[in-house]
Structure formats: structure tokens, C-alpha cells
């Protein structure tokens, strides 16, 4: 008897996947629901579990193979005799120090590595047991591996300036002459997809960006006044992003064309407000979708964004989290950006760019005052959005943030 390991169903927006890593070798015993192989798509890394107990047979799709939905990756021999034989011939795992009767055995190091972390550990030839995990149940994320490498580099003693060692070019993909190393690294599926979509946006849309600035004094004062009570009441911190999401929804309701998209020769107006929130992850920039934002409270928005950040860090964002969206918000200010021109996220027709909040002198009622100011950028598709609508949309966001009571009164 046998059981096939197949590529799971992929969403319509994902055509194929790449085999990233196998966690078992042919002839090894596997258990049902044990993570058997990782598949990398242009959005997420999928973990494919073993469909049954058995012995892994020949692998039909080695690492690097491009596969589509339902493709057979391998076959598992479920015959009890084969399982018994594989188990009997498997080398006994060494007993870790401090283990024994009454002591829980430590999990295998490979089992606590997130897919992206596992790949980096393998490339850098690291011992995963030395890396502390920050994920759920101690799971090691890519960010943990990067932090481990940074700490290790800092711990290396300074060398004698008179001694110049010859670089060792032994890492994968590393080449070049002594003292001038080069490394060729293939793009990840996510990075390649991002590059493709950015070029698509530039080629297929008439992008234009309009700018404004917003005085965040009122928002900051409101947040400082109620943040402790908010967190106690809702169990989540009150950030600034919920104010921007609410202001964006208000502006989108007044100017629905910015919530629309181009579909051939038609304009498709959306009667819902699914806002993409750009989030930095170890694999790169991802844009999970916060759905029905017009129906969410500020606590719901903050909780949703917090969940997205956690999922992005530990690599658990799903296809559903990343699919759809009618408008996007990106915040380059968290990295120190003062001003930028965001690029559209197709097929959306507009994106709001937030930036660093910086105290600057401004004129207010004939006086020069110091205020926390932020530049806002709105990139839009000029094919369907006129400059007047884009400018008024951004002014609406500015007014809503400078006078947050407008969001409550809808004025």
C-alpha cells in the first residue's frame, strides 16, 4: 500500500511553487502530519505534511523543482512491514544531557526552525541548538538567526591592523579574487514576485504622486491621553496606524474612485474597504489585507495589524491574508524615510505613503510654533483618478488627522 504526497491546492493568484527543502530522505520513516517538505510560493512558504505513517519512497520533485497544484512530490510506503524495517534500521538518537526517565526529551533542532530560518541555517552551516527562538513554543525565526549572526560578529575580537588575513571564499555562491569577494544568490520567489509586480505597475498604470503634510499634534495628544485606558479595555496597544486607517476609510467613502480598479475598459467600483497594510518580514515586504475596515473599531484595527506583524515574523501568513485589497497604506517612516513616492499595488489604483514624524517650525495663527509634522504621499492611477479627486482625498485625510473629532462626527 502507498500514499502520495501531493502539492496542495493553490489559490487562483498563485500559479506554481518551488520545492524549498525536504526534511526526510528516501527510506526514512515518517509520521502522519509531520512536516515533510517546504514549498515556496511568491507569497508564503507552505509546509506540506505527511498524509500517513510510512516510509518515504523516491522523491519525484527535488529541491528547486517548479511544481503546480496536485503534482506528486513523493510516495510514502504505508506497509507495516516496511515501517517496522525502517524504524529498526534507523540510528538511535543520542540522549541529551539531563534527559532520562521522567524528563521530557528536547525536540529535534530541525523541528523548531521556521522554513526561512531553516534555509539560512543550512546556508550558513550553523548549529540551530545555539540559536534562541522568539516564536511560539521557542520556534526559531529568520530574524533570530540574523540576530545570532550579528551577535557572533560583534563577539569576534578586533584583529591586529598589521595582520591582514586572506579571505576564505568557501560560502555557497561566493567567488572572486582575494580581498574582492562576490556572491551570487538567487532571488527568492517573494523577491522575484515583488520585482515583477513593481515593473507591472510602472508599465500598466499612469502613476502620479501628490503630496501634503499633516500636523499630528491632536492625534499624539489623544493617544497619550487614552493609551493606558485603551490597552486596559481592549488588550492591545493604541498605535497611530488605526487613526490613518480610519481617516483613509473616510476619504475613500467620499472619493470612491480611489477604492476602484481598472478591469479592461471598465472601472470596477468596490463597495467594501479592504486595506492592505505593508509589513516588513524576514522574507521581504508583504501586504496582508485588513478586511471590511469600515466595520472595524480602532481596537479591531490595532489587533489585526498586531496579528499581521506576528504572522509576518514567524512566517505564518496565509494566502487569504495576502489576497485581495482595494487600497494600501505603507509606512516608510518606521525606517526613517522623510519623503518617498510609493508604487501602486496592482490592481489597486491608489496607495498612501506615511513617513517619519519630525518636529518642524510651522506658521500657526501668525505665530511660528514647533509641531510634529509628517509628509503624506498619495500615488494614484491617473487613467481613472483625476488630480482634483486625488488632492481632495489627501486633504480629507489631513483634516481628519488634524481634527480627529471629524472621524466621529463624519464632517
Protein backbone atom coordinates (compact mmCIF):
# COMPACT_ATOMS: atom_id res chain seq x y z
CA UNK A 1 0.00 0.00 0.00
CA UNK A 2 1.15 3.54 -0.63
CA UNK A 3 0.08 7.15 -0.17
CA UNK A 4 1.01 10.01 -2.49
CA UNK A 5 2.42 13.32 -1.26
CA UNK A 6 0.92 16.00 -3.50
CA UNK A 7 1.18 19.78 -3.81
CA UNK A 8 -1.87 21.22 -2.00
CA UNK A 9 -4.45 23.34 -3.81
CA UNK A 10 -3.10 26.80 -4.66
CA UNK A 11 -5.20 29.98 -4.92
CA UNK A 12 -6.01 31.37 -8.37
CA UNK A 13 -3.45 34.13 -7.88
CA UNK A 14 -0.63 31.60 -7.36
CA UNK A 15 0.30 29.55 -10.43
CA UNK A 16 3.10 27.40 -9.05
CA UNK A 17 5.56 26.81 -6.22
CA UNK A 18 9.21 25.86 -5.82
CA UNK A 19 10.39 22.96 -3.67
CA UNK A 20 12.40 24.68 -0.96
CA UNK A 21 13.51 21.88 1.38
CA UNK A 22 12.88 18.23 2.17
CA UNK A 23 13.03 17.22 5.82
CA UNK A 24 13.24 13.48 5.24
CA UNK A 25 15.34 11.32 2.94
CA UNK A 26 14.11 8.31 0.96
CA UNK A 27 13.98 5.24 3.18
CA UNK A 28 13.32 7.16 6.38
CA UNK A 29 10.21 6.58 8.46
CA UNK A 30 7.68 9.41 8.58
CA UNK A 31 4.65 10.04 10.75
CA UNK A 32 1.29 11.38 9.68
CA UNK A 33 1.05 15.22 9.78
CA UNK A 34 4.82 15.53 10.22
CA UNK A 35 6.22 18.40 8.16
CA UNK A 36 7.72 16.66 5.16
CA UNK A 37 8.59 19.34 2.61
CA UNK A 38 8.52 23.14 2.32
CA UNK A 39 7.20 24.79 -0.83
CA UNK A 40 7.98 28.43 -1.57
CA UNK A 41 5.42 30.49 -3.46
CA UNK A 42 5.57 34.15 -4.38
CA UNK A 43 3.55 34.93 -1.24
CA UNK A 44 4.16 32.41 1.53
CA UNK A 45 6.14 29.26 2.40
CA UNK A 46 3.87 26.21 2.60
CA UNK A 47 4.60 23.29 4.89
CA UNK A 48 3.33 20.03 3.36
CA UNK A 49 2.61 17.37 5.99
CA UNK A 50 2.92 13.64 5.50
CA UNK A 51 -0.52 12.21 4.64
CA UNK A 52 0.10 8.94 6.51
CA UNK A 53 2.57 6.94 8.61
CA UNK A 54 5.07 5.06 6.50
CA UNK A 55 8.42 5.12 4.76
CA UNK A 56 9.38 7.85 2.31
CA UNK A 57 9.99 6.46 -1.16
CA UNK A 58 11.86 8.08 -4.07
CA UNK A 59 11.46 11.86 -4.23
CA UNK A 60 9.87 12.92 -7.52
CA UNK A 61 10.48 16.65 -7.04
CA UNK A 62 13.92 17.50 -5.63
CA UNK A 63 14.81 20.91 -4.17
CA UNK A 64 14.47 23.66 -6.77
CA UNK A 65 11.78 21.92 -8.82
CA UNK A 66 8.91 24.08 -10.05
CA UNK A 67 5.61 22.36 -9.24
CA UNK A 68 1.90 23.08 -9.64
CA UNK A 69 -1.17 22.10 -7.64
CA UNK A 70 -1.75 18.33 -7.27
CA UNK A 71 1.75 17.47 -8.55
CA UNK A 72 3.06 14.26 -6.94
CA UNK A 73 6.10 15.12 -4.84
CA UNK A 74 6.83 11.65 -3.46
CA UNK A 75 5.19 8.40 -2.45
CA UNK A 76 5.00 7.00 1.08
CA UNK A 77 5.06 3.23 1.55
CA UNK A 78 2.44 2.56 4.24
CA UNK A 79 3.07 -1.19 4.52
CA UNK A 80 3.53 -2.02 8.25
CA UNK A 81 6.44 -4.33 7.48
CA UNK A 82 8.31 -1.56 5.65
CA UNK A 83 7.67 0.85 8.53
CA UNK A 84 8.97 -1.69 11.05
CA UNK A 85 12.10 -2.31 8.97
CA UNK A 86 12.82 1.41 8.53
CA UNK A 87 12.34 2.02 12.25
CA UNK A 88 14.61 -0.88 13.17
CA UNK A 89 17.44 0.30 10.92
CA UNK A 90 17.19 3.97 11.92
CA UNK A 91 20.16 5.11 14.04
CA UNK A 92 19.29 5.71 17.67
CA UNK A 93 19.17 9.37 18.58
CA UNK A 94 21.72 10.37 21.25
CA UNK A 95 20.26 11.01 24.66
CA UNK A 96 20.69 14.70 25.52
CA UNK A 97 22.30 15.65 28.78
CA UNK A 98 19.82 15.89 31.62
CA UNK A 99 17.29 13.60 29.94
CA UNK A 100 16.05 10.27 31.15
CA UNK A 101 13.06 8.75 32.85
CA UNK A 102 10.65 11.47 33.92
CA UNK A 103 12.39 14.12 31.79
CA UNK A 104 10.83 15.32 28.53
CA UNK A 105 13.15 14.87 25.58
CA UNK A 106 14.17 18.05 23.78
CA UNK A 107 12.62 18.44 20.33
CA UNK A 108 14.80 17.88 17.29
CA UNK A 109 16.57 21.09 16.33
CA UNK A 110 15.19 20.93 12.77
CA UNK A 111 11.62 20.78 14.09
CA UNK A 112 11.83 24.17 15.81
CA UNK A 113 13.08 26.04 12.75
CA UNK A 114 10.70 28.10 10.64
CA UNK A 115 11.18 27.43 6.90
CA UNK A 116 13.07 30.66 6.20
CA UNK A 117 15.24 30.14 9.28
CA UNK A 118 15.97 26.54 8.28
CA UNK A 119 17.19 27.64 4.88
CA UNK A 120 19.51 30.30 6.34
CA UNK A 121 20.86 27.92 8.99
CA UNK A 122 21.73 25.44 6.25
CA UNK A 123 23.35 28.05 4.02
CA UNK A 124 25.47 29.44 6.88
CA UNK A 125 26.26 25.98 8.32
CA UNK A 126 25.04 26.93 11.81
CA UNK A 127 24.11 24.83 14.82
CA UNK A 128 20.39 25.57 15.44
CA UNK A 129 20.74 24.43 19.06
CA UNK A 130 22.78 27.59 19.75
CA UNK A 131 20.05 29.94 18.47
CA UNK A 132 17.35 31.17 20.85
CA UNK A 133 13.88 31.20 19.29
CA UNK A 134 11.44 34.07 19.77
CA UNK A 135 8.45 32.41 18.10
CA UNK A 136 5.65 30.41 19.59
CA UNK A 137 6.94 27.43 21.67
CA UNK A 138 10.51 28.61 21.09
CA UNK A 139 10.31 28.34 17.30
CA UNK A 140 13.37 29.88 15.65
CA UNK A 141 12.55 32.57 13.09
CA UNK A 142 14.80 34.01 10.40
CA UNK A 143 15.09 37.20 12.47
CA UNK A 144 16.52 35.10 15.32
CA UNK A 145 19.17 33.65 13.01
CA UNK A 146 20.11 37.12 11.74
CA UNK A 147 20.36 38.39 15.33
CA UNK A 148 22.54 35.39 16.23
CA UNK A 149 24.89 36.18 13.34
CA UNK A 150 25.06 39.85 14.34
CA UNK A 151 25.92 38.93 17.95
CA UNK A 152 28.53 36.46 16.76
CA UNK A 153 30.17 39.05 14.52
CA UNK A 154 30.24 41.55 17.38
CA UNK A 155 31.91 38.96 19.60
CA UNK A 156 34.81 38.47 17.19
CA UNK A 157 37.87 40.25 18.66
CA UNK A 158 39.39 43.10 16.71
CA UNK A 159 42.29 41.91 14.59
CA UNK A 160 45.77 43.30 14.61
CA UNK A 161 45.78 46.04 11.97
CA UNK A 162 49.18 44.82 10.84
CA UNK A 163 47.80 41.36 10.11
CA UNK A 164 45.61 41.09 7.03
CA UNK A 165 44.24 37.55 6.61
CA UNK A 166 43.38 36.15 3.21
CA UNK A 167 39.60 35.85 2.78
CA UNK A 168 38.31 32.30 2.55
CA UNK A 169 35.89 32.03 -0.36
CA UNK A 170 34.04 28.92 0.69
CA UNK A 171 30.46 30.04 1.23
CA UNK A 172 27.85 28.92 -1.33
CA UNK A 173 27.88 31.12 -4.42
CA UNK A 174 30.97 33.04 -3.24
CA UNK A 175 33.63 33.83 -5.83
CA UNK A 176 36.09 36.50 -6.83
CA UNK A 177 39.73 37.23 -6.20
CA UNK A 178 41.31 37.57 -2.78
CA UNK A 179 40.12 40.67 -1.00
CA UNK A 180 37.36 41.28 -3.56
CA UNK A 181 34.74 38.59 -2.91
CA UNK A 182 31.46 38.37 -4.79
CA UNK A 183 28.43 36.27 -4.04
CA UNK A 184 25.66 35.27 -6.42
CA UNK A 185 22.39 34.47 -4.64
CA UNK A 186 19.19 33.51 -6.48
CA UNK A 187 16.17 35.73 -5.82
CA UNK A 188 13.56 34.23 -3.52
CA UNK A 189 10.16 33.65 -5.03
CA UNK A 190 8.79 36.55 -2.99
CA UNK A 191 11.52 38.94 -4.13
CA UNK A 192 11.06 37.90 -7.76
CA UNK A 193 7.30 38.37 -7.49
CA UNK A 194 7.72 41.81 -5.92
CA UNK A 195 10.06 42.82 -8.75
CA UNK A 196 7.56 41.54 -11.32
CA UNK A 197 4.64 43.42 -9.78
CA UNK A 198 6.59 46.66 -9.48
CA UNK A 199 7.51 46.53 -13.17
CA UNK A 200 3.91 45.63 -13.98
CA UNK A 201 2.65 48.66 -12.06
CA UNK A 202 5.03 51.00 -13.85
CA UNK A 203 4.22 49.55 -17.27
CA UNK A 204 0.45 49.30 -16.96
CA UNK A 205 -0.58 52.35 -14.93
CA UNK A 206 -0.22 56.10 -15.36
CA UNK A 207 1.19 56.72 -11.89
CA UNK A 208 1.29 60.20 -10.41
CA UNK A 209 2.05 61.23 -6.82
CA UNK A 210 0.64 64.16 -4.88
CA UNK A 211 1.97 65.31 -1.51
CA UNK A 212 0.74 67.06 1.60
CA UNK A 213 1.78 67.37 5.23
CA UNK A 214 -0.16 66.76 8.41
CA UNK A 215 0.20 68.18 11.90
CA UNK A 216 -0.10 65.21 14.28
CA UNK A 217 -0.35 67.23 17.49
CA UNK A 218 -4.01 66.32 18.10
CA UNK A 219 -3.52 62.61 17.33
CA UNK A 220 -0.47 62.40 19.60
CA UNK A 221 -2.25 64.20 22.44
CA UNK A 222 -5.31 61.98 22.07
CA UNK A 223 -3.21 58.83 22.03
CA UNK A 224 -1.15 59.87 25.05
CA UNK A 225 -4.31 60.74 26.99
CA UNK A 226 -6.10 57.45 26.42
CA UNK A 227 -3.47 54.82 25.52
CA UNK A 228 -3.34 53.25 29.00
CA UNK A 229 -7.13 53.06 29.30
CA UNK A 230 -7.37 51.76 25.73
CA UNK A 231 -4.89 48.96 26.36
CA UNK A 232 -6.59 48.00 29.63
CA UNK A 233 -10.02 47.92 27.98
CA UNK A 234 -9.10 46.16 24.74
CA UNK A 235 -5.91 44.23 25.49
CA UNK A 236 -3.99 45.84 22.62
CA UNK A 237 -1.82 48.94 22.37
CA UNK A 238 -3.19 52.08 20.73
CA UNK A 239 -0.89 52.94 17.85
CA UNK A 240 -1.06 55.56 15.14
CA UNK A 241 -1.95 53.26 12.26
CA UNK A 242 -5.59 52.87 13.34
CA UNK A 243 -6.04 56.65 13.01
CA UNK A 244 -4.67 56.53 9.46
CA UNK A 245 -6.83 53.55 8.52
CA UNK A 246 -9.96 55.28 9.82
CA UNK A 247 -9.01 58.50 8.01
CA UNK A 248 -8.39 56.54 4.80
CA UNK A 249 -11.79 54.84 5.01
CA UNK A 250 -13.48 58.23 5.49
CA UNK A 251 -11.66 59.62 2.43
CA UNK A 252 -12.40 56.51 0.34
CA UNK A 253 -16.11 56.82 1.12
CA UNK A 254 -16.07 60.42 -0.09
CA UNK A 255 -14.00 59.65 -3.20
CA UNK A 256 -14.93 56.08 -4.22
CA UNK A 257 -12.88 56.15 -7.42
CA UNK A 258 -9.74 55.78 -5.28
CA UNK A 259 -11.19 52.49 -4.00
CA UNK A 260 -11.79 51.29 -7.56
CA UNK A 261 -9.67 49.34 -10.04
CA UNK A 262 -9.30 49.09 -13.80
CA UNK A 263 -10.78 45.96 -15.40
CA UNK A 264 -10.14 46.08 -19.14
CA UNK A 265 -12.11 49.06 -20.42
CA UNK A 266 -14.25 49.20 -17.28
CA UNK A 267 -13.85 50.79 -13.86
CA UNK A 268 -14.71 48.35 -11.09
CA UNK A 269 -16.03 50.19 -8.01
CA UNK A 270 -15.75 48.23 -4.77
CA UNK A 271 -18.45 48.62 -2.14
CA UNK A 272 -16.16 47.41 0.63
CA UNK A 273 -12.92 48.68 2.14
CA UNK A 274 -10.17 46.05 2.29
CA UNK A 275 -6.96 47.90 3.09
CA UNK A 276 -3.53 46.39 2.58
CA UNK A 277 -1.03 47.20 5.34
CA UNK A 278 2.59 46.92 4.20
CA UNK A 279 4.58 44.84 6.70
CA UNK A 280 8.29 44.03 6.71
CA UNK A 281 9.05 40.32 7.13
CA UNK A 282 12.26 38.25 7.09
CA UNK A 283 11.38 37.23 3.51
CA UNK A 284 10.76 40.80 2.36
CA UNK A 285 7.87 43.24 2.13
CA UNK A 286 4.39 41.69 2.30
CA UNK A 287 0.99 43.39 2.23
CA UNK A 288 -1.63 41.49 4.28
CA UNK A 289 -5.21 42.68 3.90
CA UNK A 290 -7.31 44.15 6.71
CA UNK A 291 -10.85 43.47 5.52
CA UNK A 292 -14.05 45.48 5.96
CA UNK A 293 -12.22 48.34 7.66
CA UNK A 294 -15.36 50.47 7.67
CA UNK A 295 -16.92 47.98 10.09
CA UNK A 296 -13.91 47.66 12.40
CA UNK A 297 -13.31 49.55 15.63
CA UNK A 298 -9.92 51.07 16.31
CA UNK A 299 -9.22 48.19 18.69
CA UNK A 300 -10.06 45.69 15.91
CA UNK A 301 -7.71 47.50 13.55
CA UNK A 302 -4.85 47.59 16.05
CA UNK A 303 -5.35 43.90 16.87
CA UNK A 304 -5.40 42.99 13.19
CA UNK A 305 -2.19 44.88 12.47
CA UNK A 306 -0.51 43.33 15.53
CA UNK A 307 -1.51 39.85 14.33
CA UNK A 308 -0.15 40.59 10.86
CA UNK A 309 3.18 41.68 12.33
CA UNK A 310 3.46 38.48 14.38
CA UNK A 311 2.49 36.27 11.45
CA UNK A 312 4.95 38.03 9.13
CA UNK A 313 7.75 37.50 11.63
CA UNK A 314 7.12 33.79 12.15
CA UNK A 315 6.22 33.09 8.51
CA UNK A 316 2.62 32.03 9.18
CA UNK A 317 0.76 34.46 6.89
CA UNK A 318 -1.78 32.55 4.79
CA UNK A 319 -2.81 33.04 1.18
CA UNK A 320 -6.08 34.53 2.42
CA UNK A 321 -4.17 37.13 4.44
CA UNK A 322 -2.37 38.32 1.29
CA UNK A 323 -5.11 38.08 -1.32
CA UNK A 324 -7.31 40.95 -2.50
CA UNK A 325 -7.32 44.51 -1.22
CA UNK A 326 -8.80 47.71 -2.64
CA UNK A 327 -6.33 50.29 -1.23
CA UNK A 328 -2.95 50.14 0.52
CA UNK A 329 -1.02 52.02 3.20
CA UNK A 330 2.74 51.84 3.58
CA UNK A 331 4.78 53.43 6.36
CA UNK A 332 8.36 54.15 5.38
CA UNK A 333 8.66 56.37 8.45
CA UNK A 334 9.42 53.39 10.69
CA UNK A 335 12.72 53.09 8.79
CA UNK A 336 13.40 56.84 8.92
CA UNK A 337 12.10 57.85 5.49
CA UNK A 338 11.17 61.55 5.38
CA UNK A 339 9.62 61.54 1.89
CA UNK A 340 9.09 58.97 -0.85
CA UNK A 341 6.82 58.09 -3.78
CA UNK A 342 5.13 54.71 -3.16
CA UNK A 343 4.36 52.43 -6.10
CA UNK A 344 0.87 51.06 -6.74
CA UNK A 345 -0.05 47.54 -5.69
CA UNK A 346 -1.89 46.21 -8.81
CA UNK A 347 -4.76 46.06 -9.50
CA UNK A 348 -5.36 48.77 -6.88
CA UNK A 349 -5.49 52.35 -8.10
CA UNK A 350 -4.07 54.23 -5.11
CA UNK A 351 -1.65 53.86 -2.21
CA UNK A 352 -0.98 56.14 0.77
CA UNK A 353 2.58 56.63 1.93
CA UNK A 354 3.28 57.62 5.54
CA UNK A 355 6.66 58.95 6.63
CA UNK A 356 8.73 59.90 9.63
CA UNK A 357 7.13 62.22 12.18
CA UNK A 358 9.54 65.09 12.73
CA UNK A 359 9.25 68.27 14.78
CA UNK A 360 9.45 71.29 12.48
CA UNK A 361 8.71 75.02 12.75
CA UNK A 362 5.40 75.93 11.12
CA UNK A 363 3.26 79.07 10.93
CA UNK A 364 0.10 78.84 13.02
CA UNK A 365 -2.25 81.80 13.50
CA UNK A 366 0.54 84.23 12.68
CA UNK A 367 2.99 82.60 15.07
CA UNK A 368 5.92 80.26 14.48
CA UNK A 369 5.43 77.07 16.52
CA UNK A 370 7.17 73.71 16.69
CA UNK A 371 4.86 70.83 15.75
CA UNK A 372 5.18 67.09 14.98
CA UNK A 373 4.77 67.02 11.21
CA UNK A 374 4.54 64.17 8.74
CA UNK A 375 4.71 64.26 4.96
CA UNK A 376 1.99 62.23 3.22
CA UNK A 377 2.26 60.90 -0.31
CA UNK A 378 -0.58 59.55 -2.42
CA UNK A 379 0.31 57.69 -5.60
CA UNK A 380 -2.66 57.12 -7.89
CA UNK A 381 -3.54 55.80 -11.33
CA UNK A 382 -4.18 58.88 -13.42
CA UNK A 383 -6.07 56.81 -16.00
CA UNK A 384 -9.18 56.81 -13.80
CA UNK A 385 -8.37 59.27 -10.99
CA UNK A 386 -8.26 62.99 -11.72
CA UNK A 387 -5.79 65.20 -9.90
CA UNK A 388 -8.64 67.08 -8.21
CA UNK A 389 -10.01 63.92 -6.59
CA UNK A 390 -6.55 62.78 -5.53
CA UNK A 391 -5.69 66.12 -3.93
CA UNK A 392 -9.04 66.39 -2.15
CA UNK A 393 -8.71 62.80 -0.96
CA UNK A 394 -5.35 63.60 0.64
CA UNK A 395 -6.75 66.83 2.13
CA UNK A 396 -9.58 64.82 3.70
CA UNK A 397 -7.03 62.53 5.37
CA UNK A 398 -5.06 65.56 6.57
CA UNK A 399 -8.16 67.22 8.04
CA UNK A 400 -9.33 64.02 9.72
CA UNK A 401 -5.97 63.57 11.43
CA UNK A 402 -5.55 67.19 12.45
CA UNK A 403 -9.05 67.19 13.94
CA UNK A 404 -9.81 63.57 14.97
CA UNK A 405 -13.33 64.59 16.08
CA UNK A 406 -14.19 64.73 12.37
CA UNK A 407 -13.90 60.93 12.24
CA UNK A 408 -16.58 60.63 14.92
CA UNK A 409 -18.86 63.34 13.57
CA UNK A 410 -18.33 62.43 9.87
CA UNK A 411 -17.78 66.06 8.86
